[in-house]
Amino acid sequence: MNQVEEMYQLKNLTESEVLELYDDAFDVWGLNAQVDMVVEELAEAIVAVQKYFKRDYSEQRRVDLASEVADVTIMLKQLQLIIDNHISAPAYFSGKSFATLVEEQIAYKHARARMRVDRALGEVSE
């Protein structure tokens, strides 16, 4: 391993370093290319899920799936930043960040799923 490779070995980046990395990626490759990468990574994750659950539960498939989940997580964070900082004009929207809207939707969907599961278990009547 050479000096450059050693410099970029596994390192936990701070939140500000991650944001700087994403902004640099936007500058280098452009917003449209990063949005295309979101779609590509989502597609790769779909394939990894299918291979893991429909073919085999091998350690390699598990590692492959973890890698794709990591890629999707990274790209969805970039997508939130692109929407909030590069293409959304706050005057046209609710004033909430896209990340906040996503968190609100997650909370809503969790509550809805809890209600549906409780109904299915007979714990809540309709």
N, C-alpha and C. Protein backbone atom coordinates (compact mmCIF):
# COMPACT_ATOMS: atom_id res chain seq x y z
N MET A 1 0.86 -1.18 0.00
CA MET A 1 0.00 0.00 0.00
C MET A 1 0.90 1.24 0.00
N ASN A 2 0.59 2.17 -0.91
CA ASN A 2 1.41 3.38 -0.97
C ASN A 2 0.90 4.45 -0.01
N GLN A 3 1.62 5.57 0.05
CA GLN A 3 1.29 6.64 1.00
C GLN A 3 -0.10 7.22 0.78
N VAL A 4 -0.48 7.40 -0.47
CA VAL A 4 -1.80 7.96 -0.78
C VAL A 4 -2.89 7.02 -0.30
N GLU A 5 -2.74 5.73 -0.59
CA GLU A 5 -3.73 4.75 -0.15
C GLU A 5 -3.82 4.71 1.37
N GLU A 6 -2.69 4.81 2.05
CA GLU A 6 -2.70 4.82 3.51
C GLU A 6 -3.45 6.03 4.05
N MET A 7 -3.30 7.16 3.39
CA MET A 7 -3.96 8.38 3.83
C MET A 7 -5.49 8.24 3.77
N TYR A 8 -5.99 7.46 2.83
CA TYR A 8 -7.44 7.31 2.64
C TYR A 8 -7.98 6.01 3.22
N GLN A 9 -7.23 5.36 4.08
CA GLN A 9 -7.70 4.15 4.76
C GLN A 9 -8.97 4.48 5.54
N LEU A 10 -9.65 3.45 5.99
CA LEU A 10 -10.88 3.63 6.75
C LEU A 10 -10.69 4.71 7.81
N LYS A 11 -11.55 5.69 7.73
CA LYS A 11 -11.50 6.80 8.67
C LYS A 11 -12.93 7.26 8.89
N ASN A 12 -13.31 7.41 10.13
CA ASN A 12 -14.63 7.94 10.42
C ASN A 12 -14.60 9.45 10.24
N LEU A 13 -15.29 9.91 9.21
CA LEU A 13 -15.34 11.34 8.94
C LEU A 13 -16.31 12.01 9.89
N THR A 14 -15.99 13.25 10.23
CA THR A 14 -16.93 14.04 11.01
C THR A 14 -18.09 14.44 10.11
N GLU A 15 -19.18 14.90 10.70
CA GLU A 15 -20.34 15.33 9.91
C GLU A 15 -19.94 16.44 8.95
N SER A 16 -19.12 17.38 9.39
CA SER A 16 -18.71 18.47 8.51
C SER A 16 -17.81 17.97 7.38
N GLU A 17 -16.98 16.97 7.65
CA GLU A 17 -16.15 16.38 6.59
C GLU A 17 -17.01 15.64 5.57
N VAL A 18 -18.05 14.98 6.04
CA VAL A 18 -18.96 14.28 5.13
C VAL A 18 -19.68 15.30 4.24
N LEU A 19 -20.18 16.37 4.83
CA LEU A 19 -20.87 17.40 4.05
C LEU A 19 -19.93 18.04 3.03
N GLU A 20 -18.69 18.26 3.43
CA GLU A 20 -17.69 18.81 2.50
C GLU A 20 -17.43 17.83 1.36
N LEU A 21 -17.33 16.55 1.69
CA LEU A 21 -17.15 15.51 0.66
C LEU A 21 -18.30 15.53 -0.34
N TYR A 22 -19.54 15.60 0.16
CA TYR A 22 -20.70 15.61 -0.72
C TYR A 22 -20.69 16.85 -1.60
N ASP A 23 -20.40 18.02 -1.02
CA ASP A 23 -20.35 19.25 -1.81
C ASP A 23 -19.26 19.15 -2.88
N ASP A 24 -18.12 18.58 -2.53
CA ASP A 24 -17.05 18.40 -3.51
C ASP A 24 -17.50 17.45 -4.63
N ALA A 25 -18.23 16.40 -4.27
CA ALA A 25 -18.75 15.47 -5.29
C ALA A 25 -19.71 16.20 -6.22
N PHE A 26 -20.55 17.07 -5.66
CA PHE A 26 -21.48 17.85 -6.51
C PHE A 26 -20.69 18.72 -7.47
N ASP A 27 -19.62 19.34 -6.97
CA ASP A 27 -18.80 20.21 -7.81
C ASP A 27 -18.08 19.42 -8.91
N VAL A 28 -17.54 18.26 -8.56
CA VAL A 28 -16.75 17.47 -9.50
C VAL A 28 -17.63 16.81 -10.55
N TRP A 29 -18.71 16.15 -10.12
CA TRP A 29 -19.51 15.37 -11.05
C TRP A 29 -20.83 16.02 -11.45
N GLY A 30 -21.26 17.02 -10.71
CA GLY A 30 -22.51 17.70 -11.03
C GLY A 30 -23.71 17.07 -10.34
N LEU A 31 -24.73 17.88 -10.15
CA LEU A 31 -25.93 17.42 -9.45
C LEU A 31 -26.66 16.33 -10.22
N ASN A 32 -26.79 16.50 -11.54
CA ASN A 32 -27.52 15.50 -12.33
C ASN A 32 -26.85 14.14 -12.26
N ALA A 33 -25.53 14.11 -12.31
CA ALA A 33 -24.81 12.84 -12.23
C ALA A 33 -25.03 12.19 -10.86
N GLN A 34 -25.07 12.98 -9.80
CA GLN A 34 -25.30 12.42 -8.48
C GLN A 34 -26.73 11.89 -8.34
N VAL A 35 -27.68 12.57 -8.94
CA VAL A 35 -29.06 12.08 -8.93
C VAL A 35 -29.13 10.76 -9.72
N ASP A 36 -28.45 10.69 -10.85
CA ASP A 36 -28.40 9.43 -11.59
C ASP A 36 -27.79 8.32 -10.75
N MET A 37 -26.79 8.64 -9.93
CA MET A 37 -26.17 7.65 -9.06
C MET A 37 -27.15 7.15 -7.99
N VAL A 38 -28.05 8.03 -7.54
CA VAL A 38 -29.07 7.59 -6.58
C VAL A 38 -29.88 6.46 -7.20
N VAL A 39 -30.34 6.67 -8.42
CA VAL A 39 -31.15 5.67 -9.11
C VAL A 39 -30.35 4.38 -9.31
N GLU A 40 -29.11 4.52 -9.72
CA GLU A 40 -28.26 3.34 -9.96
C GLU A 40 -28.05 2.55 -8.67
N GLU A 41 -27.77 3.24 -7.59
CA GLU A 41 -27.53 2.55 -6.32
C GLU A 41 -28.80 1.88 -5.79
N LEU A 42 -29.95 2.52 -5.99
CA LEU A 42 -31.22 1.90 -5.60
C LEU A 42 -31.43 0.60 -6.38
N ALA A 43 -31.14 0.64 -7.67
CA ALA A 43 -31.31 -0.56 -8.51
C ALA A 43 -30.36 -1.68 -8.05
N GLU A 44 -29.12 -1.32 -7.74
CA GLU A 44 -28.17 -2.32 -7.27
C GLU A 44 -28.61 -2.92 -5.94
N ALA A 45 -29.20 -2.09 -5.09
CA ALA A 45 -29.68 -2.60 -3.80
C ALA A 45 -30.83 -3.58 -3.99
N ILE A 46 -31.71 -3.29 -4.94
CA ILE A 46 -32.81 -4.20 -5.24
C ILE A 46 -32.26 -5.57 -5.63
N VAL A 47 -31.28 -5.58 -6.50
CA VAL A 47 -30.68 -6.84 -6.95
C VAL A 47 -30.02 -7.56 -5.77
N ALA A 48 -29.31 -6.82 -4.92
CA ALA A 48 -28.63 -7.44 -3.78
C ALA A 48 -29.64 -8.05 -2.80
N VAL A 49 -30.77 -7.38 -2.59
CA VAL A 49 -31.81 -7.92 -1.70
C VAL A 49 -32.36 -9.22 -2.30
N GLN A 50 -32.66 -9.20 -3.59
CA GLN A 50 -33.20 -10.40 -4.23
C GLN A 50 -32.21 -11.55 -4.17
N LYS A 51 -30.94 -11.29 -4.43
CA LYS A 51 -29.95 -12.36 -4.39
C LYS A 51 -29.83 -12.94 -2.99
N TYR A 52 -29.85 -12.09 -1.99
CA TYR A 52 -29.68 -12.56 -0.61
C TYR A 52 -30.88 -13.40 -0.16
N PHE A 53 -32.07 -12.90 -0.40
CA PHE A 53 -33.26 -13.58 0.12
C PHE A 53 -33.80 -14.67 -0.80
N LYS A 54 -33.45 -14.66 -2.07
CA LYS A 54 -34.00 -15.66 -2.99
C LYS A 54 -32.98 -16.70 -3.42
N ARG A 55 -31.71 -16.42 -3.22
CA ARG A 55 -30.71 -17.38 -3.70
C ARG A 55 -29.95 -18.04 -2.55
N ASP A 56 -29.27 -17.24 -1.76
CA ASP A 56 -28.54 -17.84 -0.64
C ASP A 56 -28.22 -16.80 0.42
N TYR A 57 -28.10 -17.31 1.62
CA TYR A 57 -27.79 -16.45 2.77
C TYR A 57 -26.31 -16.51 3.10
N SER A 58 -25.47 -16.60 2.09
CA SER A 58 -24.04 -16.73 2.32
C SER A 58 -23.46 -15.44 2.91
N GLU A 59 -22.31 -15.57 3.51
CA GLU A 59 -21.63 -14.40 4.08
C GLU A 59 -21.30 -13.39 2.98
N GLN A 60 -20.91 -13.87 1.80
CA GLN A 60 -20.58 -12.94 0.72
C GLN A 60 -21.82 -12.15 0.29
N ARG A 61 -22.95 -12.81 0.18
CA ARG A 61 -24.20 -12.10 -0.18
C ARG A 61 -24.55 -11.08 0.90
N ARG A 62 -24.32 -11.46 2.16
CA ARG A 62 -24.59 -10.55 3.27
C ARG A 62 -23.70 -9.31 3.20
N VAL A 63 -22.43 -9.50 2.89
CA VAL A 63 -21.50 -8.38 2.73
C VAL A 63 -21.90 -7.53 1.53
N ASP A 64 -22.27 -8.18 0.43
CA ASP A 64 -22.72 -7.45 -0.76
C ASP A 64 -23.94 -6.59 -0.44
N LEU A 65 -24.90 -7.16 0.30
CA LEU A 65 -26.10 -6.43 0.67
C LEU A 65 -25.75 -5.24 1.57
N ALA A 66 -24.88 -5.45 2.53
CA ALA A 66 -24.46 -4.35 3.42
C ALA A 66 -23.80 -3.23 2.62
N SER A 67 -23.01 -3.60 1.64
CA SER A 67 -22.36 -2.60 0.79
C SER A 67 -23.38 -1.77 0.02
N GLU A 68 -24.38 -2.45 -0.53
CA GLU A 68 -25.41 -1.73 -1.29
C GLU A 68 -26.28 -0.86 -0.39
N VAL A 69 -26.58 -1.35 0.81
CA VAL A 69 -27.35 -0.53 1.76
C VAL A 69 -26.55 0.72 2.13
N ALA A 70 -25.24 0.56 2.31
CA ALA A 70 -24.39 1.72 2.60
C ALA A 70 -24.41 2.71 1.44
N ASP A 71 -24.29 2.21 0.21
CA ASP A 71 -24.34 3.09 -0.97
C ASP A 71 -25.65 3.85 -1.04
N VAL A 72 -26.76 3.15 -0.81
CA VAL A 72 -28.08 3.80 -0.87
C VAL A 72 -28.21 4.85 0.22
N THR A 73 -27.75 4.52 1.42
CA THR A 73 -27.81 5.46 2.54
C THR A 73 -27.04 6.74 2.20
N ILE A 74 -25.85 6.59 1.66
CA ILE A 74 -25.02 7.73 1.28
C ILE A 74 -25.71 8.56 0.20
N MET A 75 -26.21 7.88 -0.82
CA MET A 75 -26.80 8.60 -1.94
C MET A 75 -28.11 9.28 -1.56
N LEU A 76 -28.90 8.68 -0.67
CA LEU A 76 -30.14 9.33 -0.24
C LEU A 76 -29.84 10.58 0.59
N LYS A 77 -28.76 10.55 1.37
CA LYS A 77 -28.34 11.75 2.10
C LYS A 77 -27.94 12.84 1.10
N GLN A 78 -27.21 12.45 0.06
CA GLN A 78 -26.85 13.43 -0.97
C GLN A 78 -28.09 13.99 -1.65
N LEU A 79 -29.07 13.13 -1.93
CA LEU A 79 -30.30 13.58 -2.56
C LEU A 79 -31.00 14.62 -1.69
N GLN A 80 -31.06 14.37 -0.39
CA GLN A 80 -31.67 15.35 0.52
C GLN A 80 -30.94 16.69 0.44
N LEU A 81 -29.62 16.65 0.40
CA LEU A 81 -28.84 17.89 0.31
C LEU A 81 -29.07 18.60 -1.02
N ILE A 82 -29.14 17.82 -2.08
CA ILE A 82 -29.38 18.43 -3.40
C ILE A 82 -30.74 19.13 -3.40
N ILE A 83 -31.76 18.46 -2.89
CA ILE A 83 -33.10 19.04 -2.88
C ILE A 83 -33.15 20.27 -1.98
N ASP A 84 -32.55 20.18 -0.80
CA ASP A 84 -32.62 21.30 0.14
C ASP A 84 -31.74 22.48 -0.26
N ASN A 85 -30.55 22.20 -0.77
CA ASN A 85 -29.57 23.28 -0.95
C ASN A 85 -29.36 23.72 -2.38
N HIS A 86 -29.87 22.97 -3.34
CA HIS A 86 -29.53 23.30 -4.72
C HIS A 86 -30.72 23.49 -5.64
N ILE A 87 -31.86 22.86 -5.34
CA ILE A 87 -32.97 23.02 -6.29
C ILE A 87 -34.27 23.49 -5.68
N SER A 88 -34.39 23.47 -4.36
CA SER A 88 -35.65 23.89 -3.74
C SER A 88 -35.58 25.36 -3.37
N ALA A 89 -36.53 26.12 -3.86
CA ALA A 89 -36.65 27.52 -3.47
C ALA A 89 -37.60 27.57 -2.28
N PRO A 90 -37.09 27.90 -1.08
CA PRO A 90 -37.92 27.85 0.13
C PRO A 90 -39.21 28.65 0.01
N ALA A 91 -39.22 29.70 -0.77
CA ALA A 91 -40.43 30.52 -0.89
C ALA A 91 -41.59 29.73 -1.50
N TYR A 92 -41.28 28.71 -2.27
CA TYR A 92 -42.31 27.94 -2.94
C TYR A 92 -42.81 26.77 -2.10
N PHE A 93 -42.12 26.48 -1.00
CA PHE A 93 -42.45 25.31 -0.21
C PHE A 93 -42.81 25.71 1.22
N SER A 94 -43.05 24.73 2.06
CA SER A 94 -43.53 24.96 3.42
C SER A 94 -42.51 25.62 4.33
N GLY A 95 -41.29 25.73 3.90
CA GLY A 95 -40.24 26.25 4.76
C GLY A 95 -39.52 25.14 5.51
N LYS A 96 -40.08 23.94 5.47
CA LYS A 96 -39.43 22.80 6.11
C LYS A 96 -38.36 22.25 5.17
N SER A 97 -37.29 21.76 5.75
CA SER A 97 -36.27 21.11 4.93
C SER A 97 -36.82 19.80 4.40
N PHE A 98 -36.25 19.33 3.32
CA PHE A 98 -36.65 18.04 2.76
C PHE A 98 -36.38 16.94 3.78
N ALA A 99 -35.26 17.04 4.49
CA ALA A 99 -34.94 16.05 5.52
C ALA A 99 -36.02 16.01 6.59
N THR A 100 -36.54 17.16 6.98
CA THR A 100 -37.61 17.22 7.97
C THR A 100 -38.87 16.57 7.41
N LEU A 101 -39.19 16.85 6.16
CA LEU A 101 -40.36 16.21 5.53
C LEU A 101 -40.21 14.69 5.52
N VAL A 102 -39.01 14.21 5.23
CA VAL A 102 -38.76 12.77 5.22
C VAL A 102 -38.97 12.21 6.62
N GLU A 103 -38.42 12.86 7.63
CA GLU A 103 -38.59 12.39 9.01
C GLU A 103 -40.06 12.37 9.42
N GLU A 104 -40.82 13.38 9.02
CA GLU A 104 -42.25 13.39 9.31
C GLU A 104 -42.96 12.23 8.63
N GLN A 105 -42.58 11.93 7.40
CA GLN A 105 -43.20 10.81 6.68
C GLN A 105 -42.83 9.49 7.33
N ILE A 106 -41.61 9.36 7.80
CA ILE A 106 -41.19 8.13 8.50
C ILE A 106 -42.03 7.95 9.75
N ALA A 107 -42.20 9.01 10.53
CA ALA A 107 -43.01 8.92 11.76
C ALA A 107 -44.45 8.54 11.43
N TYR A 108 -45.02 9.16 10.40
CA TYR A 108 -46.39 8.84 9.98
C TYR A 108 -46.51 7.38 9.57
N LYS A 109 -45.57 6.91 8.76
CA LYS A 109 -45.63 5.55 8.25
C LYS A 109 -45.39 4.52 9.36
N HIS A 110 -44.54 4.86 10.32
CA HIS A 110 -44.37 3.97 11.47
C HIS A 110 -45.67 3.86 12.26
N ALA A 111 -46.32 4.99 12.50
CA ALA A 111 -47.58 4.97 13.25
C ALA A 111 -48.65 4.18 12.50
N ARG A 112 -48.72 4.39 11.19
CA ARG A 112 -49.70 3.66 10.38
C ARG A 112 -49.43 2.16 10.39
N ALA A 113 -48.15 1.79 10.28
CA ALA A 113 -47.79 0.37 10.31
C ALA A 113 -48.12 -0.25 11.67
N ARG A 114 -47.86 0.50 12.75
CA ARG A 114 -48.18 0.00 14.09
C ARG A 114 -49.68 -0.27 14.22
N MET A 115 -50.49 0.67 13.71
CA MET A 115 -51.94 0.51 13.76
C MET A 115 -52.36 -0.73 12.96
N ARG A 116 -51.81 -0.91 11.76
CA ARG A 116 -52.18 -2.05 10.92
C ARG A 116 -51.76 -3.37 11.55
N VAL A 117 -50.57 -3.40 12.13
CA VAL A 117 -50.09 -4.62 12.79
C VAL A 117 -50.96 -4.93 14.00
N ASP A 118 -51.27 -3.91 14.79
CA ASP A 118 -52.12 -4.12 15.97
C ASP A 118 -53.50 -4.63 15.56
N ARG A 119 -54.05 -4.10 14.48
CA ARG A 119 -55.34 -4.60 13.99
C ARG A 119 -55.23 -6.06 13.57
N ALA A 120 -54.16 -6.39 12.84
CA ALA A 120 -53.97 -7.76 12.38
C ALA A 120 -53.80 -8.73 13.55
N LEU A 121 -53.21 -8.25 14.63
CA LEU A 121 -53.04 -9.07 15.82
C LEU A 121 -54.29 -9.12 16.69
N GLY A 122 -55.30 -8.33 16.31
CA GLY A 122 -56.53 -8.30 17.07
C GLY A 122 -56.44 -7.44 18.32
N GLU A 123 -55.42 -6.61 18.40
CA GLU A 123 -55.23 -5.77 19.58
C GLU A 123 -56.00 -4.46 19.50
N VAL A 124 -56.44 -4.11 18.30
CA VAL A 124 -57.21 -2.89 18.08
C VAL A 124 -58.39 -3.25 17.18
N SER A 125 -59.57 -2.81 17.55
CA SER A 125 -60.73 -3.09 16.70
C SER A 125 -60.84 -2.01 15.64
N GLU A 126 -61.52 -2.35 14.57
CA GLU A 126 -61.66 -1.40 13.46
C GLU A 126 -62.79 -0.48 13.65
